[in-house]
Amino acid sequence: MDSLLNILATWRPFTALVVGDFMLDQLVYGDAERLSPDAPVPILHVRKTENRPGGAANVCLDLAALRARVLAFGVTGHDPHADTLRRELAAQGIDTQGIIADASRPTTVKQNLIGLAQSRHPQKMFRVDMESREPLAADAMNALVAAFEKSLASADVVCIEDYNKGVCSPDFCRRVIDAARRANKPVFVDPARGTDYAKYKGATTITPNRTEAEEAAGLATDPHNANPNHNAALARTLLDRLDLDACILTLDRHGALVLEKGKAPAAVPTLARNVYDVTGAGDMFLAGLAAARANGANWLDATRFANAAAGLEVEVFGVQPIPLEQIHHSLVLMTSPQHGKLRTLDQALLEAAALRKQGKKIIFTNGCFDVLHSGHVTLLEKAAREGGDSGGGGFLIVGLNDDASVRRLKGESRPVNNQEDRARVLGALASVGAVILFAEDTPMRLIEHLKPDVLVKGADYTKEAVVGGKFVESYGGRVALIELVEGKSTSSTIERMRR
């Protein structure tokens, strides 16, 4: 996991070509509190309608959220839905020049009717599909392949998202995969459900779920995942049959299985999640896998990254791209149980970036916090509230002097508690979000990197005397001075202990 975190710390933009079935998801929200008087069906009183890119278009958005330059290649109808889909993609910076309009077929639209009752969470009531599953006409296919090949030289990765809507026919997939292989570009496939996976032969990897893999491999089903060798046999069959570099099986709550050519299978467990909506999880997994590989991750680390991304996706309603910072934050937390809230500066920077995207303000304070007392606890509680109640609230990061700097500041008899113990105790406080050790006499380096929204010190300081205060105010942050609890200090506590 450390190797993956190192890759994330140096993450770079990349270029992805996305090929497949582009569609428009329409979310029709309304109140569903009555039954029809003329039939036993609920009535949906429509309140609003949202349009979101779906299918391969959603993969484009997921990749863009992972800092990719994305070029889209697919087919729509020649209709208003196609115009809407293009606008939605272009608004997120997606290059749509490779999307071909074909007047002989409609734009694929999935209209989801979503009801709310008594202001509770939205629930999908019904779905209406408008689509054609007919294979592309020869002229449309040729135009699409030509557009793809023209852009191939700029690609770091190629993603194929197949929903069985007619674009990814065997002939089309073979032409795309062969062109990518000739150009030495890796191809990542999220396959459609079906028994014929020969059209994906020569791809770099495929990411079927267990049910899809069982159908494609022609092996007996194992619905309860009771046989530990079953998944490996599925992956091995598809790996060999399709000449893949790796086969990644997604296994729902059981995580994923990675099988690389010439290696033993490896399991990637998943965290327990509050599953709200599984829509879009496969798209996010494909995007995450391709993005991590584009940044140099090995197959195991790339699958860990993709698994974390898909896990976050199922916790939100509908298809919503998960930002890189949020995935990194999740992975940092996965590695933190043995360290509590202790972070490196790089980890804290990614955590802060993810939290800011969620509307939270970053609050910073610092100190030795040697013998923790009620004055410290009160200061930290008040500091954490400086984020305010609007938006997402605040996240308090504490800069903690390491043992050597405490000795320089307080004398050779200090600290009473070593830095690991002090960090652990601070991390146990609900008000503290993260703790970072620093070796300097002042926290200026941390402040310059973190750029907190609020810098907190005790009211025994003046604003002019607060290290980093002028810097924080220079970009619109503020300095908050908090009244101390009278008669409470570490020095006085230690003195009483010595008597």
Foldseek 3Di string as FASTA:
>chain_A
DVVLLVLLLVADEFAEEEEEAKAKEKEFEFAFDDADPVDRHTDGDTDDIDIDIDFSLLLQLQLVLARYAYEYAEEAEPDVRVVVSVVNSVVSNYHDPRYYYDNVWHGWYKYWYWHDYPNDDIDTDDIDIGAALAADDPVSLVSNLVVCLVCLLRHQAYEYGYASRHDLDLVSLQSNLVSNVVSVHAYEYADYAAQDPLSNANHQEYEEEQNSLCNNLVHDDDVVCPDVCVVVVSFVSCCVSRVYQWYWYQYVQQAIWIDGVPDGIDGDHADDAPFDAQPALSSQLRSQLSSSVSSPDDNVSSSNLSRLQSRVQRNDPHRDHDHSLNSLLVVVVVPCPVQQQEDELSSVQSVLVNVVVQVAFEEEEEDACQPPDPQNLVQLQVRQQVRDDPGPGYAYEYEHEAFQLCCVVPNPVDDPDGPSVSQNVVSVRPSHNHYYYDHDNDCLVSCVSNLGLEYEDAPVDDLVPHVCSVVSVVVPHHYDHHYTDPPDDPVVVVVVVVD
